[in-house]
Amino acid sequence: MNISKRIIYIGNFLVAKKQNPSPNVLLTEAFDKKTDVIRSSSKKNLAVRFLDMLLTVWYRSSKSSVVIIDVFSSWAFYYAVCVSALCRVLNQPYFLVLHGGDLPQRYQRSPRLCAVMFTSSRQIVSPSRYLKERTESNFPVSVQIISNPLKLELYKAMPRAYDAPRIVWLRAFHTIYNPQMAIEVLYELKKIYAHASLCMIGPDKDGSMESCKKLVASYHLEDSVEFTGFLEKQEMIAKASACNIFLNTTQVDNTPVSLLEALALGIPVVSTNVGGIPYLVTNSYDCVLVEPNDVSAAVDAIRQIMDDGDFRDRLITNGLGNARNRGVNSVIKQWEALLHEIV
């Protein structure tokens, strides 16, 4: 099945050197095989990017096209507001795709802007039930869930030894992701498993990496913690595949791709129970959820995974099933059906 309309996709297509392809890049690559796709914008300058988005819709939209707009909670929210307003002026149908665990806070700060943008959209799409429920409870709209896509062929589950915890932590170093908690967890685990280790993958965003290194030094864990910095996708997968526990310590989140990647690799996941995460996974089914900054609970969860083989195997099997439903082919079929039904 091909898509009859040309797609104009409005979002951030600026791929930084220390950033792997985002969901909108993977999605538009899949759209490319079905129809003509115009992307905006990859301009570095924020003002130029904003202008490029508006001009792209102004000059390239038509009756034979549909506009898809990414909606974030930060300053990029205003890109979506202005582009959607232009679409209404041009009588151009548009779809909205919601992103970010902080978006419900934006609903409280900008209710009128959200209401106008949302109620005029042909359809709102969310990658998580969390944002669907929060949006529908605040506005008279219907939200359809379509997951962020995963290139499943990149991820291979393999048998792993569970002689000692080999933890992988995968996020940007930023306060909201609470990377220090991972080090605190390792410090406690070392009292039980002498050979426990931690691999922390990701670029520094706000100086948190330096504070983590100082914490490692204060605990004398230098031989047990590796800081890789940013890794390209294949390097990241290889490094993560050598570990046997994925630890997610975030304090704010929606649908973290890194967590889904761990599931696809067959790595048992321990994660904080925040934002959209409990809508993405189920505690004790395909993940173990703990409260934010609860080091003791995270340690207990990891001990259970290490010591209970049946429980561990159940997490792995169910996690692989969760990830399998999020492959690019499955996601693009849902988008095709949506576009054919509504446009």
Protein backbone atom coordinates (compact mmCIF):
# COMPACT_ATOMS: atom_id res chain seq x y z
CA MET A 1 0.00 0.00 0.00
CA ASN A 2 1.32 3.46 -0.93
CA ILE A 3 0.32 6.82 0.53
CA SER A 4 -1.64 8.94 -1.95
CA LYS A 5 -0.69 12.32 -0.46
CA ARG A 6 2.71 14.00 -0.43
CA ILE A 7 3.93 14.48 3.14
CA ILE A 8 5.44 17.69 4.48
CA TYR A 9 7.03 16.83 7.81
CA ILE A 10 7.80 19.77 10.12
CA GLY A 11 10.24 19.05 12.96
CA ASN A 12 13.86 19.24 13.97
CA PHE A 13 15.88 17.43 11.31
CA LEU A 14 19.19 18.90 12.40
CA VAL A 15 21.24 15.81 13.26
CA ALA A 16 24.08 16.82 15.56
CA LYS A 17 27.42 15.04 15.48
CA LYS A 18 26.75 13.63 18.95
CA GLN A 19 23.21 12.45 18.25
CA ASN A 20 21.81 9.32 16.65
CA PRO A 21 18.84 9.54 14.25
CA SER A 22 15.66 10.69 16.00
CA PRO A 23 12.23 9.04 15.54
CA ASN A 24 11.14 11.60 12.93
CA VAL A 25 14.20 10.78 10.81
CA LEU A 26 13.45 7.03 10.93
CA LEU A 27 9.78 7.67 10.21
CA THR A 28 10.38 9.90 7.19
CA GLU A 29 12.90 7.41 5.82
CA ALA A 30 10.08 4.84 5.89
CA PHE A 31 7.65 7.35 4.33
CA ASP A 32 10.14 7.88 1.49
CA LYS A 33 9.37 4.37 0.23
CA LYS A 34 5.65 5.15 0.07
CA THR A 35 5.34 8.74 -1.15
CA ASP A 36 7.13 12.05 -1.75
CA VAL A 37 8.41 13.53 1.52
CA ILE A 38 9.53 17.10 2.20
CA ARG A 39 11.36 17.69 5.50
CA SER A 40 11.81 20.96 7.34
CA SER A 41 14.02 21.93 8.91
CA SER A 42 17.69 21.08 9.19
CA LYS A 43 18.85 24.68 9.53
CA LYS A 44 21.22 25.29 12.45
CA ASN A 45 20.14 28.82 13.30
CA LEU A 46 16.88 28.81 15.28
CA ALA A 47 15.37 31.84 13.53
CA VAL A 48 16.35 30.54 10.11
CA ARG A 49 14.93 27.12 10.97
CA PHE A 50 11.63 28.72 11.99
CA LEU A 51 11.48 30.75 8.77
CA ASP A 52 12.33 27.68 6.71
CA MET A 53 9.44 25.76 8.28
CA LEU A 54 6.96 28.52 7.47
CA LEU A 55 8.22 29.03 3.91
CA THR A 56 8.17 25.29 3.25
CA VAL A 57 4.49 25.09 4.19
CA TRP A 58 3.68 28.33 2.35
CA TYR A 59 5.28 27.33 -0.95
CA ARG A 60 5.09 23.52 -0.93
CA SER A 61 1.70 22.73 0.56
CA SER A 62 -1.27 22.00 -1.71
CA LYS A 63 -4.47 19.98 -1.92
CA SER A 64 -2.34 16.94 -2.73
CA SER A 65 -0.28 17.18 0.46
CA VAL A 66 -0.65 16.75 4.20
CA VAL A 67 1.49 18.41 6.90
CA ILE A 68 2.76 16.46 9.92
CA ILE A 69 4.05 18.62 12.79
CA ASP A 70 6.15 17.50 15.78
CA VAL A 71 5.02 19.09 19.07
CA PHE A 72 7.50 19.48 21.95
CA SER A 73 7.15 21.17 25.32
CA SER A 74 10.18 23.49 25.08
CA TRP A 75 10.64 26.61 22.95
CA ALA A 76 10.10 24.35 19.89
CA PHE A 77 6.43 24.29 20.95
CA TYR A 78 6.05 27.71 19.31
CA TYR A 79 7.26 26.31 15.98
CA ALA A 80 4.28 23.98 16.05
CA VAL A 81 1.90 26.76 17.10
CA CYS A 82 2.93 29.04 14.24
CA VAL A 83 3.15 26.35 11.56
CA SER A 84 -0.27 24.99 12.50
CA ALA A 85 -1.70 28.53 12.37
CA LEU A 86 -0.32 28.95 8.85
CA CYS A 87 -1.89 25.62 7.87
CA ARG A 88 -5.26 26.88 9.06
CA VAL A 89 -4.87 30.06 7.03
CA LEU A 90 -4.04 27.99 3.94
CA ASN A 91 -6.81 25.48 4.69
CA GLN A 92 -4.08 22.84 4.72
CA PRO A 93 -4.82 19.65 6.70
CA TYR A 94 -2.27 18.88 9.38
CA PHE A 95 -1.47 16.14 11.88
CA LEU A 96 0.30 16.60 15.22
CA VAL A 97 2.81 14.17 16.77
CA LEU A 98 3.34 14.62 20.52
CA HIS A 99 6.75 14.26 22.17
CA GLY A 100 8.25 14.63 25.64
CA GLY A 101 7.35 13.81 29.23
CA ASP A 102 7.07 17.55 30.05
CA LEU A 103 4.32 18.20 27.49
CA PRO A 104 1.48 18.02 30.07
CA GLN A 105 3.17 20.91 31.91
CA ARG A 106 3.01 22.89 28.66
CA TYR A 107 -0.76 22.27 28.60
CA GLN A 108 -1.00 24.12 31.92
CA ARG A 109 1.22 26.99 30.78
CA SER A 110 -0.33 27.51 27.32
CA PRO A 111 -3.87 26.07 27.40
CA ARG A 112 -5.39 28.38 24.78
CA LEU A 113 -2.61 27.90 22.25
CA CYS A 114 -2.81 24.14 22.74
CA ALA A 115 -6.59 24.10 22.43
CA VAL A 116 -6.63 25.96 19.10
CA MET A 117 -3.80 23.88 17.67
CA PHE A 118 -5.20 20.55 18.86
CA THR A 119 -8.87 20.99 17.98
CA SER A 120 -8.03 22.07 14.41
CA SER A 121 -5.77 19.09 13.75
CA ARG A 122 -7.05 16.27 11.53
CA GLN A 123 -5.52 13.79 13.98
CA ILE A 124 -3.18 13.85 16.96
CA VAL A 125 -0.69 11.01 17.28
CA SER A 126 1.19 10.01 20.43
CA PRO A 127 3.89 7.36 20.85
CA SER A 128 2.60 6.62 24.36
CA ARG A 129 -0.63 6.06 26.26
CA TYR A 130 0.69 8.51 28.85
CA LEU A 131 0.48 11.52 26.50
CA LYS A 132 -2.77 10.22 25.00
CA GLU A 133 -4.48 10.19 28.40
CA ARG A 134 -3.01 13.52 29.51
CA THR A 135 -4.03 15.21 26.27
CA GLU A 136 -7.54 13.80 26.11
CA SER A 137 -8.15 14.75 29.76
CA ASN A 138 -7.24 18.38 29.03
CA PHE A 139 -8.80 18.95 25.59
CA PRO A 140 -11.86 17.71 23.64
CA VAL A 141 -9.77 15.68 21.18
CA SER A 142 -9.00 12.07 20.29
CA VAL A 143 -5.38 10.88 20.24
CA GLN A 144 -4.20 7.79 18.37
CA ILE A 145 -1.22 5.82 19.66
CA ILE A 146 1.48 4.97 17.12
CA SER A 147 4.84 4.01 18.56
CA ASN A 148 8.16 5.58 17.71
CA PRO A 149 9.84 3.24 15.18
CA LEU A 150 12.76 0.92 15.88
CA LYS A 151 15.05 -0.59 13.26
CA LEU A 152 14.72 -4.06 14.74
CA GLU A 153 17.31 -5.55 12.38
CA LEU A 154 20.01 -3.64 14.29
CA TYR A 155 19.28 -5.38 17.59
CA LYS A 156 20.20 -8.99 18.28
CA ALA A 157 19.29 -10.68 21.56
CA MET A 158 21.94 -13.08 22.80
CA PRO A 159 22.59 -15.29 25.86
CA ARG A 160 24.39 -13.52 28.69
CA ALA A 161 26.18 -14.64 31.82
CA TYR A 162 24.78 -13.41 35.13
CA ASP A 163 27.78 -14.00 37.36
CA ALA A 164 27.93 -10.30 38.30
CA PRO A 165 25.89 -7.20 37.38
CA ARG A 166 27.29 -5.47 34.30
CA ILE A 167 25.07 -2.40 34.14
CA VAL A 168 24.59 -0.13 31.15
CA TRP A 169 23.23 3.40 31.58
CA LEU A 170 22.34 5.15 28.31
CA ARG A 171 21.24 8.79 28.23
CA ALA A 172 22.65 12.26 27.87
CA PHE A 173 24.31 13.45 31.09
CA HIS A 174 21.74 15.93 32.37
CA THR A 175 20.18 16.64 35.75
CA ILE A 176 16.72 15.44 34.70
CA TYR A 177 18.16 11.98 33.91
CA ASN A 178 19.78 11.72 37.36
CA PRO A 179 22.96 9.87 36.29
CA GLN A 180 24.38 10.04 39.83
CA MET A 181 21.78 7.49 40.92
CA ALA A 182 23.41 4.84 38.71
CA ILE A 183 26.71 5.35 40.53
CA GLU A 184 25.00 5.15 43.92
CA VAL A 185 23.40 1.87 42.83
CA LEU A 186 26.75 0.46 41.74
CA TYR A 187 28.34 1.50 45.04
CA GLU A 188 25.75 -0.53 46.95
CA LEU A 189 25.98 -3.49 44.58
CA LYS A 190 29.77 -3.68 44.99
CA LYS A 191 29.15 -4.66 48.61
CA ILE A 192 27.42 -7.79 47.31
CA TYR A 193 29.04 -8.43 43.91
CA ALA A 194 32.75 -7.63 43.95
CA HIS A 195 32.95 -7.62 40.15
CA ALA A 196 29.90 -5.44 39.47
CA SER A 197 30.52 -2.75 36.85
CA LEU A 198 28.81 0.20 35.20
CA CYS A 199 29.09 1.51 31.63
CA MET A 200 27.68 5.03 31.16
CA ILE A 201 27.01 5.94 27.53
CA GLY A 202 26.07 9.41 26.36
CA PRO A 203 27.27 12.98 25.84
CA ASP A 204 27.46 15.62 28.56
CA LYS A 205 24.72 18.25 28.38
CA ASP A 206 24.97 20.34 31.55
CA GLY A 207 28.18 19.37 33.34
CA SER A 208 26.63 16.30 34.98
CA MET A 209 29.32 14.02 33.60
CA GLU A 210 32.01 15.84 35.56
CA SER A 211 30.01 15.61 38.79
CA CYS A 212 29.53 11.88 38.10
CA LYS A 213 33.27 11.41 37.66
CA LYS A 214 33.88 13.17 40.97
CA LEU A 215 31.35 10.89 42.65
CA VAL A 216 33.05 7.83 41.16
CA ALA A 217 36.38 9.03 42.52
CA SER A 218 34.95 9.69 45.98
CA TYR A 219 33.70 6.07 46.08
CA HIS A 220 36.96 4.73 44.61
CA LEU A 221 35.06 3.11 41.75
CA GLU A 222 37.38 4.20 38.94
CA ASP A 223 38.13 0.59 37.96
CA SER A 224 34.44 -0.30 37.82
CA VAL A 225 32.90 2.60 35.86
CA GLU A 226 33.42 3.43 32.19
CA PHE A 227 32.40 6.75 30.63
CA THR A 228 32.23 6.29 26.85
CA GLY A 229 30.83 9.67 25.85
CA PHE A 230 28.64 9.72 22.75
CA LEU A 231 28.71 6.57 20.61
CA GLU A 232 27.38 6.00 17.11
CA LYS A 233 24.47 3.56 16.98
CA GLN A 234 26.48 0.45 16.09
CA GLU A 235 29.13 1.23 18.73
CA MET A 236 26.42 1.84 21.30
CA ILE A 237 24.70 -1.46 20.51
CA ALA A 238 27.98 -3.37 20.76
CA LYS A 239 28.84 -1.78 24.11
CA ALA A 240 25.35 -2.32 25.54
CA SER A 241 25.26 -5.92 24.31
CA ALA A 242 28.25 -6.72 26.55
CA CYS A 243 26.17 -5.75 29.61
CA ASN A 244 23.44 -7.73 31.36
CA ILE A 245 21.32 -5.08 33.15
CA PHE A 246 19.91 -1.83 31.76
CA LEU A 247 19.39 0.88 34.39
CA ASN A 248 17.23 3.92 33.63
CA THR A 249 17.36 6.57 36.38
CA THR A 250 15.46 9.45 34.81
CA GLN A 251 13.19 11.83 36.74
CA VAL A 252 11.21 12.98 33.66
CA ASP A 253 10.45 10.94 30.53
CA ASN A 254 7.87 9.91 27.95
CA THR A 255 8.94 7.05 25.65
CA PRO A 256 12.73 6.69 25.98
CA VAL A 257 14.11 5.00 22.88
CA SER A 258 17.10 3.76 24.88
CA LEU A 259 14.80 1.68 27.09
CA LEU A 260 13.12 0.14 24.03
CA GLU A 261 16.53 -0.60 22.56
CA ALA A 262 17.47 -2.50 25.72
CA LEU A 263 14.30 -4.58 25.42
CA ALA A 264 15.13 -5.31 21.78
CA LEU A 265 18.61 -6.48 22.82
CA GLY A 266 17.15 -8.86 25.40
CA ILE A 267 18.63 -6.95 28.35
CA PRO A 268 16.53 -6.93 31.56
CA VAL A 269 15.46 -3.38 32.43
CA VAL A 270 15.24 -1.61 35.78
CA SER A 271 13.72 1.86 35.43
CA THR A 272 12.32 4.68 37.51
CA ASN A 273 8.53 4.83 37.50
CA VAL A 274 8.01 8.30 36.00
CA GLY A 275 6.09 10.01 33.21
CA GLY A 276 5.21 7.73 30.33
CA ILE A 277 7.42 4.81 31.38
CA PRO A 278 4.71 2.84 33.26
CA TYR A 279 2.57 3.20 30.12
CA LEU A 280 5.42 1.83 28.00
CA VAL A 281 6.32 -1.21 30.11
CA THR A 282 4.65 -3.24 32.87
CA ASN A 283 6.26 -3.78 36.25
CA SER A 284 7.46 -7.38 36.80
CA TYR A 285 6.27 -8.33 33.30
CA ASP A 286 8.84 -6.83 30.94
CA CYS A 287 10.60 -4.41 33.30
CA VAL A 288 11.13 -3.70 37.00
CA LEU A 289 9.94 -0.23 38.04
CA VAL A 290 11.22 1.64 41.11
CA GLU A 291 10.52 5.09 42.47
CA PRO A 292 12.75 8.02 41.42
CA ASN A 293 16.06 8.18 43.31
CA ASP A 294 15.23 5.03 45.30
CA VAL A 295 18.68 3.44 45.28
CA SER A 296 17.74 0.60 47.63
CA ALA A 297 14.80 -0.46 45.46
CA ALA A 298 16.96 -0.43 42.34
CA VAL A 299 19.59 -2.57 44.09
CA ASP A 300 16.90 -5.03 45.22
CA ALA A 301 15.51 -5.20 41.67
CA ILE A 302 18.92 -5.96 40.22
CA ARG A 303 19.55 -8.62 42.87
CA GLN A 304 16.25 -10.29 41.98
CA ILE A 305 17.16 -10.32 38.29
CA MET A 306 20.59 -11.75 39.07
CA ASP A 307 19.35 -14.44 41.47
CA ASP A 308 16.00 -15.53 39.97
CA GLY A 309 16.57 -17.09 36.56
CA ASP A 310 12.87 -17.71 35.85
CA PHE A 311 11.97 -14.11 36.66
CA ARG A 312 14.85 -12.86 34.51
CA ASP A 313 13.87 -15.03 31.54
CA ARG A 314 10.28 -13.82 31.78
CA LEU A 315 11.39 -10.19 31.68
CA ILE A 316 13.59 -10.86 28.66
CA THR A 317 10.94 -12.78 26.69
CA ASN A 318 8.20 -10.25 27.35
CA GLY A 319 10.55 -7.35 26.66
CA LEU A 320 11.42 -8.77 23.25
CA GLY A 321 7.71 -9.03 22.48
CA ASN A 322 7.18 -5.41 23.50
CA ALA A 323 10.00 -4.23 21.21
CA ARG A 324 8.86 -6.40 18.30
CA ASN A 325 5.59 -4.45 18.04
CA ARG A 326 7.54 -1.23 17.51
CA GLY A 327 9.46 -2.15 14.36
CA VAL A 328 9.51 0.27 11.41
CA ASN A 329 7.33 -1.98 9.24
CA SER A 330 4.63 -2.21 11.89
CA VAL A 331 4.70 1.53 12.60
CA ILE A 332 4.54 2.60 8.95
CA LYS A 333 1.52 0.34 8.34
CA GLN A 334 -0.32 2.11 11.15
CA TRP A 335 0.55 5.48 9.61
CA GLU A 336 -0.63 4.30 6.18
CA ALA A 337 -3.97 3.20 7.59
CA LEU A 338 -4.37 6.50 9.46
CA LEU A 339 -3.59 8.65 6.44
CA HIS A 340 -5.87 6.65 4.13
CA GLU A 341 -8.71 6.82 6.64
CA ILE A 342 -8.56 10.51 7.46
CA VAL A 343 -7.03 12.39 4.50
